[in-house]
PDB file of all heavy atoms in Angstrom:
ATOM      1  N   ASN A   1      -4.668  10.141 -25.231  1.00  0.00           N
ATOM      2  CA  ASN A   1      -3.644  10.663 -24.327  1.00  0.00           C
ATOM      3  C   ASN A   1      -3.497   9.733 -23.134  1.00  0.00           C
ATOM      4  O   ASN A   1      -4.329   9.719 -22.228  1.00  0.00           O
ATOM      5  CB  ASN A   1      -4.044  12.066 -23.857  1.00  0.00           C
ATOM      6  CG  ASN A   1      -2.913  12.784 -23.163  1.00  0.00           C
ATOM      7  OD1 ASN A   1      -1.992  12.172 -22.636  1.00  0.00           O
ATOM      8  ND2 ASN A   1      -2.983  14.103 -23.161  1.00  0.00           N
ATOM      9  N   ARG A   2      -2.433   8.963 -23.125  1.00  0.00           N
ATOM     10  CA  ARG A   2      -2.225   7.983 -22.060  1.00  0.00           C
ATOM     11  C   ARG A   2      -1.838   8.622 -20.734  1.00  0.00           C
ATOM     12  O   ARG A   2      -1.883   7.952 -19.694  1.00  0.00           O
ATOM     13  CB  ARG A   2      -1.150   6.984 -22.502  1.00  0.00           C
ATOM     14  CG  ARG A   2      -1.612   6.132 -23.680  1.00  0.00           C
ATOM     15  CD  ARG A   2      -0.462   5.691 -24.560  1.00  0.00           C
ATOM     16  NE  ARG A   2      -0.961   5.078 -25.788  1.00  0.00           N
ATOM     17  CZ  ARG A   2      -1.299   5.780 -26.863  1.00  0.00           C
ATOM     18  NH1 ARG A   2      -1.184   7.097 -26.885  1.00  0.00           N
ATOM     19  NH2 ARG A   2      -1.761   5.159 -27.943  1.00  0.00           N
ATOM     20  N   ALA A   3      -1.494   9.894 -20.751  1.00  0.00           N
ATOM     21  CA  ALA A   3      -1.142  10.582 -19.511  1.00  0.00           C
ATOM     22  C   ALA A   3      -2.361  11.062 -18.747  1.00  0.00           C
ATOM     23  O   ALA A   3      -2.281  11.306 -17.543  1.00  0.00           O
ATOM     24  CB  ALA A   3      -0.223  11.765 -19.807  1.00  0.00           C
ATOM     25  N   THR A   4      -3.497  11.194 -19.438  1.00  0.00           N
ATOM     26  CA  THR A   4      -4.682  11.755 -18.786  1.00  0.00           C
ATOM     27  C   THR A   4      -5.955  10.944 -18.983  1.00  0.00           C
ATOM     28  O   THR A   4      -6.878  11.052 -18.176  1.00  0.00           O
ATOM     29  CB  THR A   4      -4.956  13.178 -19.316  1.00  0.00           C
ATOM     30  OG1 THR A   4      -5.219  13.116 -20.732  1.00  0.00           O
ATOM     31  CG2 THR A   4      -3.773  14.092 -19.066  1.00  0.00           C
ATOM     32  N   GLN A   5      -6.028  10.136 -20.035  1.00  0.00           N
ATOM     33  CA  GLN A   5      -7.301   9.525 -20.413  1.00  0.00           C
ATOM     34  C   GLN A   5      -7.392   8.041 -20.108  1.00  0.00           C
ATOM     35  O   GLN A   5      -8.259   7.364 -20.642  1.00  0.00           O
ATOM     36  CB  GLN A   5      -7.551   9.753 -21.910  1.00  0.00           C
ATOM     37  CG  GLN A   5      -7.757  11.211 -22.267  1.00  0.00           C
ATOM     38  CD  GLN A   5      -7.991  11.401 -23.754  1.00  0.00           C
ATOM     39  OE1 GLN A   5      -7.182  10.999 -24.591  1.00  0.00           O
ATOM     40  NE2 GLN A   5      -9.109  12.013 -24.104  1.00  0.00           N
ATOM     41  N   THR A   6      -6.539   7.546 -19.253  1.00  0.00           N
ATOM     42  CA  THR A   6      -6.603   6.123 -18.921  1.00  0.00           C
ATOM     43  C   THR A   6      -6.348   5.930 -17.440  1.00  0.00           C
ATOM     44  O   THR A   6      -5.567   6.667 -16.831  1.00  0.00           O
ATOM     45  CB  THR A   6      -5.567   5.331 -19.739  1.00  0.00           C
ATOM     46  OG1 THR A   6      -5.679   3.943 -19.438  1.00  0.00           O
ATOM     47  CG2 THR A   6      -4.159   5.794 -19.442  1.00  0.00           C
ATOM     48  N   LEU A   7      -7.016   4.959 -16.849  1.00  0.00           N
ATOM     49  CA  LEU A   7      -6.786   4.584 -15.458  1.00  0.00           C
ATOM     50  C   LEU A   7      -6.085   3.236 -15.454  1.00  0.00           C
ATOM     51  O   LEU A   7      -6.617   2.251 -15.961  1.00  0.00           O
ATOM     52  CB  LEU A   7      -8.113   4.495 -14.689  1.00  0.00           C
ATOM     53  CG  LEU A   7      -8.931   5.779 -14.581  1.00  0.00           C
ATOM     54  CD1 LEU A   7     -10.232   5.521 -13.820  1.00  0.00           C
ATOM     55  CD2 LEU A   7      -8.139   6.872 -13.901  1.00  0.00           C
ATOM     56  N   ARG A   8      -4.882   3.199 -14.901  1.00  0.00           N
ATOM     57  CA  ARG A   8      -4.108   1.975 -14.879  1.00  0.00           C
ATOM     58  C   ARG A   8      -3.795   1.573 -13.442  1.00  0.00           C
ATOM     59  O   ARG A   8      -3.736   2.404 -12.537  1.00  0.00           O
ATOM     60  CB  ARG A   8      -2.786   2.170 -15.649  1.00  0.00           C
ATOM     61  CG  ARG A   8      -2.944   2.735 -17.039  1.00  0.00           C
ATOM     62  CD  ARG A   8      -3.680   1.819 -17.991  1.00  0.00           C
ATOM     63  NE  ARG A   8      -2.995   0.585 -18.261  1.00  0.00           N
ATOM     64  CZ  ARG A   8      -2.822   0.054 -19.469  1.00  0.00           C
ATOM     65  NH1 ARG A   8      -3.291   0.680 -20.543  1.00  0.00           N
ATOM     66  NH2 ARG A   8      -2.205  -1.087 -19.623  1.00  0.00           N
ATOM     67  N   SER A   9      -3.584   0.273 -13.252  1.00  0.00           N
ATOM     68  CA  SER A   9      -3.268  -0.231 -11.917  1.00  0.00           C
ATOM     69  C   SER A   9      -1.903   0.283 -11.482  1.00  0.00           C
ATOM     70  O   SER A   9      -0.924   0.132 -12.206  1.00  0.00           O
ATOM     71  CB  SER A   9      -3.271  -1.761 -11.911  1.00  0.00           C
ATOM     72  OG  SER A   9      -2.782  -2.243 -10.681  1.00  0.00           O
ATOM     73  N   PRO A  10      -1.802   0.887 -10.276  1.00  0.00           N
ATOM     74  CA  PRO A  10      -0.523   1.458  -9.840  1.00  0.00           C
ATOM     75  C   PRO A  10       0.459   0.447  -9.291  1.00  0.00           C
ATOM     76  O   PRO A  10       1.627   0.771  -9.066  1.00  0.00           O
ATOM     77  CB  PRO A  10      -0.946   2.441  -8.746  1.00  0.00           C
ATOM     78  CG  PRO A  10      -2.179   1.823  -8.177  1.00  0.00           C
ATOM     79  CD  PRO A  10      -2.883   1.169  -9.331  1.00  0.00           C
ATOM     80  N   GLY A  11       0.032  -0.795  -9.049  1.00  0.00           N
ATOM     81  CA  GLY A  11       0.930  -1.769  -8.457  1.00  0.00           C
ATOM     82  C   GLY A  11       1.471  -1.272  -7.129  1.00  0.00           C
ATOM     83  O   GLY A  11       0.771  -0.623  -6.338  1.00  0.00           O
ATOM     84  N   SER A  12       2.743  -1.523  -6.877  1.00  0.00           N
ATOM     85  CA  SER A  12       3.347  -1.158  -5.598  1.00  0.00           C
ATOM     86  C   SER A  12       3.546   0.342  -5.418  1.00  0.00           C
ATOM     87  O   SER A  12       3.912   0.783  -4.321  1.00  0.00           O
ATOM     88  CB  SER A  12       4.695  -1.867  -5.446  1.00  0.00           C
ATOM     89  OG  SER A  12       4.502  -3.264  -5.313  1.00  0.00           O
ATOM     90  N   ALA A  13       3.337   1.135  -6.452  1.00  0.00           N
ATOM     91  CA  ALA A  13       3.458   2.586  -6.303  1.00  0.00           C
ATOM     92  C   ALA A  13       2.391   3.128  -5.361  1.00  0.00           C
ATOM     93  O   ALA A  13       2.470   4.285  -4.936  1.00  0.00           O
ATOM     94  CB  ALA A  13       3.349   3.264  -7.668  1.00  0.00           C
ATOM     95  N   ILE A  14       1.438   2.291  -4.994  1.00  0.00           N
ATOM     96  CA  ILE A  14       0.385   2.715  -4.071  1.00  0.00           C
ATOM     97  C   ILE A  14       0.799   2.545  -2.609  1.00  0.00           C
ATOM     98  O   ILE A  14       0.188   3.126  -1.703  1.00  0.00           O
ATOM     99  CB  ILE A  14      -0.914   1.918  -4.357  1.00  0.00           C
ATOM    100  CG1 ILE A  14      -2.136   2.712  -3.939  1.00  0.00           C
ATOM    101  CG2 ILE A  14      -0.887   0.554  -3.679  1.00  0.00           C
ATOM    102  CD1 ILE A  14      -3.449   2.114  -4.401  1.00  0.00           C
ATOM    103  N   LYS A  15       1.834   1.764  -2.359  1.00  0.00           N
ATOM    104  CA  LYS A  15       2.200   1.419  -0.974  1.00  0.00           C
ATOM    105  C   LYS A  15       2.546   2.616  -0.095  1.00  0.00           C
ATOM    106  O   LYS A  15       2.241   2.605   1.104  1.00  0.00           O
ATOM    107  CB  LYS A  15       3.337   0.405  -0.980  1.00  0.00           C
ATOM    108  CG  LYS A  15       2.909  -0.962  -1.497  1.00  0.00           C
ATOM    109  CD  LYS A  15       4.086  -1.909  -1.664  1.00  0.00           C
ATOM    110  CE  LYS A  15       3.637  -3.249  -2.241  1.00  0.00           C
ATOM    111  NZ  LYS A  15       4.772  -4.145  -2.545  1.00  0.00           N
ATOM    112  N   PRO A  16       3.184   3.678  -0.608  1.00  0.00           N
ATOM    113  CA  PRO A  16       3.443   4.826   0.267  1.00  0.00           C
ATOM    114  C   PRO A  16       2.168   5.416   0.882  1.00  0.00           C
ATOM    115  O   PRO A  16       2.205   5.927   2.006  1.00  0.00           O
ATOM    116  CB  PRO A  16       4.133   5.832  -0.658  1.00  0.00           C
ATOM    117  CG  PRO A  16       4.795   4.984  -1.694  1.00  0.00           C
ATOM    118  CD  PRO A  16       3.847   3.839  -1.911  1.00  0.00           C
ATOM    119  N   PHE A  17       1.055   5.325   0.168  1.00  0.00           N
ATOM    120  CA  PHE A  17      -0.195   5.847   0.708  1.00  0.00           C
ATOM    121  C   PHE A  17      -0.736   4.928   1.808  1.00  0.00           C
ATOM    122  O   PHE A  17      -1.349   5.392   2.767  1.00  0.00           O
ATOM    123  CB  PHE A  17      -1.223   6.003  -0.417  1.00  0.00           C
ATOM    124  CG  PHE A  17      -0.783   6.956  -1.488  1.00  0.00           C
ATOM    125  CD1 PHE A  17      -0.095   6.503  -2.603  1.00  0.00           C
ATOM    126  CD2 PHE A  17      -1.030   8.309  -1.365  1.00  0.00           C
ATOM    127  CE1 PHE A  17       0.333   7.379  -3.581  1.00  0.00           C
ATOM    128  CE2 PHE A  17      -0.609   9.200  -2.341  1.00  0.00           C
ATOM    129  CZ  PHE A  17       0.083   8.732  -3.454  1.00  0.00           C
ATOM    130  N   VAL A  18      -0.504   3.631   1.665  1.00  0.00           N
ATOM    131  CA  VAL A  18      -0.917   2.680   2.697  1.00  0.00           C
ATOM    132  C   VAL A  18      -0.111   2.916   3.970  1.00  0.00           C
ATOM    133  O   VAL A  18      -0.666   3.031   5.073  1.00  0.00           O
ATOM    134  CB  VAL A  18      -0.733   1.236   2.194  1.00  0.00           C
ATOM    135  CG1 VAL A  18      -1.104   0.239   3.297  1.00  0.00           C
ATOM    136  CG2 VAL A  18      -1.582   0.989   0.947  1.00  0.00           C
ATOM    137  N   TYR A  19       1.205   3.010   3.824  1.00  0.00           N
ATOM    138  CA  TYR A  19       2.049   3.214   4.998  1.00  0.00           C
ATOM    139  C   TYR A  19       1.853   4.616   5.591  1.00  0.00           C
ATOM    140  O   TYR A  19       1.959   4.802   6.804  1.00  0.00           O
ATOM    141  CB  TYR A  19       3.516   2.976   4.641  1.00  0.00           C
ATOM    142  CG  TYR A  19       3.812   1.523   4.342  1.00  0.00           C
ATOM    143  CD1 TYR A  19       4.461   1.145   3.170  1.00  0.00           C
ATOM    144  CD2 TYR A  19       3.429   0.524   5.230  1.00  0.00           C
ATOM    145  CE1 TYR A  19       4.730  -0.192   2.890  1.00  0.00           C
ATOM    146  CE2 TYR A  19       3.693  -0.818   4.961  1.00  0.00           C
ATOM    147  CZ  TYR A  19       4.337  -1.169   3.792  1.00  0.00           C
ATOM    148  OH  TYR A  19       4.587  -2.496   3.529  1.00  0.00           O
ATOM    149  N   GLY A  20       1.561   5.588   4.736  1.00  0.00           N
ATOM    150  CA  GLY A  20       1.261   6.914   5.253  1.00  0.00           C
ATOM    151  C   GLY A  20       0.014   6.912   6.112  1.00  0.00           C
ATOM    152  O   GLY A  20      -0.052   7.582   7.156  1.00  0.00           O
ATOM    153  N   THR A  21      -0.990   6.136   5.704  1.00  0.00           N
ATOM    154  CA  THR A  21      -2.218   6.016   6.498  1.00  0.00           C
ATOM    155  C   THR A  21      -1.927   5.331   7.827  1.00  0.00           C
ATOM    156  O   THR A  21      -2.503   5.684   8.865  1.00  0.00           O
ATOM    157  CB  THR A  21      -3.277   5.224   5.703  1.00  0.00           C
ATOM    158  OG1 THR A  21      -3.430   5.806   4.408  1.00  0.00           O
ATOM    159  CG2 THR A  21      -4.613   5.241   6.416  1.00  0.00           C
ATOM    160  N   ALA A  22      -1.032   4.351   7.803  1.00  0.00           N
ATOM    161  CA  ALA A  22      -0.655   3.661   9.041  1.00  0.00           C
ATOM    162  C   ALA A  22       0.091   4.604   9.986  1.00  0.00           C
ATOM    163  O   ALA A  22      -0.153   4.609  11.202  1.00  0.00           O
ATOM    164  CB  ALA A  22       0.208   2.443   8.719  1.00  0.00           C
ATOM    165  N   ILE A  23       0.997   5.412   9.464  1.00  0.00           N
ATOM    166  CA  ILE A  23       1.723   6.369  10.300  1.00  0.00           C
ATOM    167  C   ILE A  23       0.753   7.391  10.883  1.00  0.00           C
ATOM    168  O   ILE A  23       0.869   7.802  12.038  1.00  0.00           O
ATOM    169  CB  ILE A  23       2.840   7.044   9.480  1.00  0.00           C
ATOM    170  CG1 ILE A  23       3.918   6.008   9.155  1.00  0.00           C
ATOM    171  CG2 ILE A  23       3.442   8.230  10.225  1.00  0.00           C
ATOM    172  CD1 ILE A  23       4.947   6.487   8.154  1.00  0.00           C
ATOM    173  N   GLU A  24      -0.215   7.775  10.085  1.00  0.00           N
ATOM    174  CA  GLU A  24      -1.252   8.683  10.574  1.00  0.00           C
ATOM    175  C   GLU A  24      -2.025   8.049  11.732  1.00  0.00           C
ATOM    176  O   GLU A  24      -2.503   8.748  12.640  1.00  0.00           O
ATOM    177  CB  GLU A  24      -2.207   9.013   9.411  1.00  0.00           C
ATOM    178  CG  GLU A  24      -3.242  10.067   9.704  1.00  0.00           C
ATOM    179  CD  GLU A  24      -4.082  10.353   8.474  1.00  0.00           C
ATOM    180  OE1 GLU A  24      -4.750   9.415   7.979  1.00  0.00           O
ATOM    181  OE2 GLU A  24      -4.070  11.495   7.987  1.00  0.00           O
ATOM    182  N   ALA A  25      -2.131   6.722  11.708  1.00  0.00           N
ATOM    183  CA  ALA A  25      -2.849   6.002  12.764  1.00  0.00           C
ATOM    184  C   ALA A  25      -1.981   5.741  13.989  1.00  0.00           C
ATOM    185  O   ALA A  25      -2.440   5.113  14.949  1.00  0.00           O
ATOM    186  CB  ALA A  25      -3.375   4.680  12.208  1.00  0.00           C
ATOM    187  N   GLY A  26      -0.723   6.186  13.966  1.00  0.00           N
ATOM    188  CA  GLY A  26       0.132   6.033  15.139  1.00  0.00           C
ATOM    189  C   GLY A  26       1.329   5.134  14.955  1.00  0.00           C
ATOM    190  O   GLY A  26       2.124   4.947  15.886  1.00  0.00           O
ATOM    191  N   TRP A  27       1.482   4.534  13.782  1.00  0.00           N
ATOM    192  CA  TRP A  27       2.638   3.692  13.531  1.00  0.00           C
ATOM    193  C   TRP A  27       3.878   4.562  13.309  1.00  0.00           C
ATOM    194  O   TRP A  27       3.783   5.785  13.166  1.00  0.00           O
ATOM    195  CB  TRP A  27       2.411   2.821  12.301  1.00  0.00           C
ATOM    196  CG  TRP A  27       1.343   1.772  12.457  1.00  0.00           C
ATOM    197  CD1 TRP A  27       0.239   1.822  13.260  1.00  0.00           C
ATOM    198  CD2 TRP A  27       1.287   0.531  11.761  1.00  0.00           C
ATOM    199  NE1 TRP A  27      -0.514   0.694  13.110  1.00  0.00           N
ATOM    200  CE2 TRP A  27       0.107  -0.127  12.197  1.00  0.00           C
ATOM    201  CE3 TRP A  27       2.093  -0.103  10.831  1.00  0.00           C
ATOM    202  CZ2 TRP A  27      -0.270  -1.387  11.719  1.00  0.00           C
ATOM    203  CZ3 TRP A  27       1.721  -1.350  10.345  1.00  0.00           C
ATOM    204  CH2 TRP A  27       0.560  -1.988  10.794  1.00  0.00           C
ATOM    205  N   THR A  28       5.032   3.917  13.281  1.00  0.00           N
ATOM    206  CA  THR A  28       6.279   4.599  12.959  1.00  0.00           C
ATOM    207  C   THR A  28       6.986   3.820  11.868  1.00  0.00           C
ATOM    208  O   THR A  28       6.571   2.711  11.490  1.00  0.00           O
ATOM    209  CB  THR A  28       7.203   4.701  14.179  1.00  0.00           C
ATOM    210  OG1 THR A  28       7.730   3.394  14.477  1.00  0.00           O
ATOM    211  CG2 THR A  28       6.477   5.249  15.393  1.00  0.00           C
ATOM    212  N   GLN A  29       8.096   4.391  11.397  1.00  0.00           N
ATOM    213  CA  GLN A  29       8.870   3.681  10.376  1.00  0.00           C
ATOM    214  C   GLN A  29       9.433   2.367  10.914  1.00  0.00           C
ATOM    215  O   GLN A  29       9.711   1.449  10.133  1.00  0.00           O
ATOM    216  CB  GLN A  29      10.028   4.552   9.887  1.00  0.00           C
ATOM    217  CG  GLN A  29       9.611   5.828   9.181  1.00  0.00           C
ATOM    218  CD  GLN A  29      10.767   6.466   8.454  1.00  0.00           C
ATOM    219  OE1 GLN A  29      11.388   5.852   7.578  1.00  0.00           O
ATOM    220  NE2 GLN A  29      11.080   7.713   8.808  1.00  0.00           N
ATOM    221  N   THR A  30       9.576   2.269  12.223  1.00  0.00           N
ATOM    222  CA  THR A  30      10.161   1.061  12.814  1.00  0.00           C
ATOM    223  C   THR A  30       9.111   0.065  13.283  1.00  0.00           C
ATOM    224  O   THR A  30       9.456  -0.966  13.862  1.00  0.00           O
ATOM    225  CB  THR A  30      11.049   1.448  14.001  1.00  0.00           C
ATOM    226  OG1 THR A  30      10.294   2.223  14.931  1.00  0.00           O
ATOM    227  CG2 THR A  30      12.262   2.231  13.531  1.00  0.00           C
ATOM    228  N   THR A  31       7.837   0.366  13.055  1.00  0.00           N
ATOM    229  CA  THR A  31       6.807  -0.620  13.359  1.00  0.00           C
ATOM    230  C   THR A  31       7.062  -1.857  12.501  1.00  0.00           C
ATOM    231  O   THR A  31       7.321  -1.750  11.305  1.00  0.00           O
ATOM    232  CB  THR A  31       5.405  -0.059  13.063  1.00  0.00           C
ATOM    233  OG1 THR A  31       5.173   1.076  13.891  1.00  0.00           O
ATOM    234  CG2 THR A  31       4.332  -1.107  13.331  1.00  0.00           C
ATOM    235  N   THR A  32       7.016  -3.028  13.132  1.00  0.00           N
ATOM    236  CA  THR A  32       7.345  -4.251  12.393  1.00  0.00           C
ATOM    237  C   THR A  32       6.097  -5.036  12.015  1.00  0.00           C
ATOM    238  O   THR A  32       5.113  -5.074  12.754  1.00  0.00           O
ATOM    239  CB  THR A  32       8.270  -5.153  13.220  1.00  0.00           C
ATOM    240  OG1 THR A  32       7.672  -5.398  14.496  1.00  0.00           O
ATOM    241  CG2 THR A  32       9.623  -4.495  13.412  1.00  0.00           C
ATOM    242  N   VAL A  33       6.162  -5.660  10.875  1.00  0.00           N
ATOM    243  CA  VAL A  33       5.058  -6.452  10.329  1.00  0.00           C
ATOM    244  C   VAL A  33       5.637  -7.756   9.806  1.00  0.00           C
ATOM    245  O   VAL A  33       6.728  -7.782   9.227  1.00  0.00           O
ATOM    246  CB  VAL A  33       4.334  -5.689   9.205  1.00  0.00           C
ATOM    247  CG1 VAL A  33       3.183  -6.514   8.656  1.00  0.00           C
ATOM    248  CG2 VAL A  33       3.830  -4.349   9.699  1.00  0.00           C
ATOM    249  N   LEU A  34       4.907  -8.827   9.995  1.00  0.00           N
ATOM    250  CA  LEU A  34       5.375 -10.148   9.590  1.00  0.00           C
ATOM    251  C   LEU A  34       5.299 -10.327   8.083  1.00  0.00           C
ATOM    252  O   LEU A  34       4.277 -10.042   7.457  1.00  0.00           O
ATOM    253  CB  LEU A  34       4.536 -11.230  10.272  1.00  0.00           C
ATOM    254  CG  LEU A  34       4.923 -12.687   9.985  1.00  0.00           C
ATOM    255  CD1 LEU A  34       6.310 -12.992  10.544  1.00  0.00           C
ATOM    256  CD2 LEU A  34       3.876 -13.624  10.568  1.00  0.00           C
ATOM    257  N   ASP A  35       6.384 -10.796   7.502  1.00  0.00           N
ATOM    258  CA  ASP A  35       6.404 -11.182   6.093  1.00  0.00           C
ATOM    259  C   ASP A  35       6.431 -12.701   6.025  1.00  0.00           C
ATOM    260  O   ASP A  35       7.489 -13.333   6.087  1.00  0.00           O
ATOM    261  CB  ASP A  35       7.618 -10.599   5.381  1.00  0.00           C
ATOM    262  CG  ASP A  35       7.652 -11.018   3.913  1.00  0.00           C
ATOM    263  OD1 ASP A  35       6.575 -11.043   3.291  1.00  0.00           O
ATOM    264  OD2 ASP A  35       8.746 -11.328   3.411  1.00  0.00           O
ATOM    265  N   ALA A  36       5.253 -13.269   5.969  1.00  0.00           N
ATOM    266  CA  ALA A  36       5.107 -14.729   5.931  1.00  0.00           C
ATOM    267  C   ALA A  36       3.820 -15.046   5.192  1.00  0.00           C
ATOM    268  O   ALA A  36       2.947 -14.190   5.036  1.00  0.00           O
ATOM    269  CB  ALA A  36       5.075 -15.288   7.353  1.00  0.00           C
ATOM    270  N   PRO A  37       3.675 -16.275   4.694  1.00  0.00           N
ATOM    271  CA  PRO A  37       2.459 -16.627   3.959  1.00  0.00           C
ATOM    272  C   PRO A  37       1.196 -16.317   4.757  1.00  0.00           C
ATOM    273  O   PRO A  37       1.157 -16.490   5.972  1.00  0.00           O
ATOM    274  CB  PRO A  37       2.625 -18.128   3.715  1.00  0.00           C
ATOM    275  CG  PRO A  37       4.096 -18.350   3.742  1.00  0.00           C
ATOM    276  CD  PRO A  37       4.626 -17.399   4.764  1.00  0.00           C
ATOM    277  N   VAL A  38       0.183 -15.874   4.045  1.00  0.00           N
ATOM    278  CA  VAL A  38      -1.084 -15.524   4.670  1.00  0.00           C
ATOM    279  C   VAL A  38      -2.187 -15.818   3.659  1.00  0.00           C
ATOM    280  O   VAL A  38      -1.960 -15.815   2.449  1.00  0.00           O
ATOM    281  CB  VAL A  38      -1.094 -14.034   5.089  1.00  0.00           C
ATOM    282  CG1 VAL A  38      -1.014 -13.135   3.870  1.00  0.00           C
ATOM    283  CG2 VAL A  38      -2.321 -13.697   5.928  1.00  0.00           C
ATOM    284  N   SER A  39      -3.364 -16.099   4.149  1.00  0.00           N
ATOM    285  CA  SER A  39      -4.481 -16.402   3.251  1.00  0.00           C
ATOM    286  C   SER A  39      -5.738 -15.711   3.750  1.00  0.00           C
ATOM    287  O   SER A  39      -5.894 -15.440   4.943  1.00  0.00           O
ATOM    288  CB  SER A  39      -4.705 -17.914   3.155  1.00  0.00           C
ATOM    289  OG  SER A  39      -5.017 -18.456   4.428  1.00  0.00           O
ATOM    290  N   PHE A  40      -6.656 -15.446   2.805  1.00  0.00           N
ATOM    291  CA  PHE A  40      -7.905 -14.764   3.119  1.00  0.00           C
ATOM    292  C   PHE A  40      -9.029 -15.425   2.333  1.00  0.00           C
ATOM    293  O   PHE A  40      -8.820 -15.914   1.219  1.00  0.00           O
ATOM    294  CB  PHE A  40      -7.833 -13.280   2.740  1.00  0.00           C
ATOM    295  CG  PHE A  40      -6.713 -12.533   3.392  1.00  0.00           C
ATOM    296  CD1 PHE A  40      -5.479 -12.409   2.758  1.00  0.00           C
ATOM    297  CD2 PHE A  40      -6.873 -11.953   4.641  1.00  0.00           C
ATOM    298  CE1 PHE A  40      -4.438 -11.723   3.342  1.00  0.00           C
ATOM    299  CE2 PHE A  40      -5.833 -11.264   5.235  1.00  0.00           C
ATOM    300  CZ  PHE A  40      -4.619 -11.149   4.595  1.00  0.00           C
ATOM    301  N   ARG A  41     -10.203 -15.438   2.914  1.00  0.00           N
ATOM    302  CA  ARG A  41     -11.366 -15.972   2.202  1.00  0.00           C
ATOM    303  C   ARG A  41     -11.722 -15.031   1.061  1.00  0.00           C
ATOM    304  O   ARG A  41     -11.844 -13.821   1.253  1.00  0.00           O
ATOM    305  CB  ARG A  41     -12.556 -16.109   3.149  1.00  0.00           C
ATOM    306  CG  ARG A  41     -12.357 -17.130   4.252  1.00  0.00           C
ATOM    307  CD  ARG A  41     -13.652 -17.311   5.032  1.00  0.00           C
ATOM    308  NE  ARG A  41     -13.480 -18.237   6.141  1.00  0.00           N
ATOM    309  CZ  ARG A  41     -13.118 -17.869   7.358  1.00  0.00           C
ATOM    310  NH1 ARG A  41     -12.909 -16.592   7.616  1.00  0.00           N
ATOM    311  NH2 ARG A  41     -12.967 -18.759   8.315  1.00  0.00           N
ATOM    312  N   ASP A  42     -11.876 -15.610  -0.118  1.00  0.00           N
ATOM    313  CA  ASP A  42     -12.226 -14.815  -1.299  1.00  0.00           C
ATOM    314  C   ASP A  42     -12.925 -15.720  -2.309  1.00  0.00           C
ATOM    315  O   ASP A  42     -12.281 -16.520  -2.983  1.00  0.00           O
ATOM    316  CB  ASP A  42     -10.977 -14.196  -1.923  1.00  0.00           C
ATOM    317  CG  ASP A  42     -11.317 -13.252  -3.071  1.00  0.00           C
ATOM    318  OD1 ASP A  42     -12.478 -13.235  -3.510  1.00  0.00           O
ATOM    319  OD2 ASP A  42     -10.408 -12.525  -3.521  1.00  0.00           O
TER     320      ASP A  42
END
């Protein structure tokens, strides 16, 4: 049963939960974030 017995990567469908957490932290829909190249140590 693929509806219940598998865990799959949600991709961008997870983003509403990220932004919801940010709004909970005091952000608003109009809070701006830079869309530019970024790198992290990994």
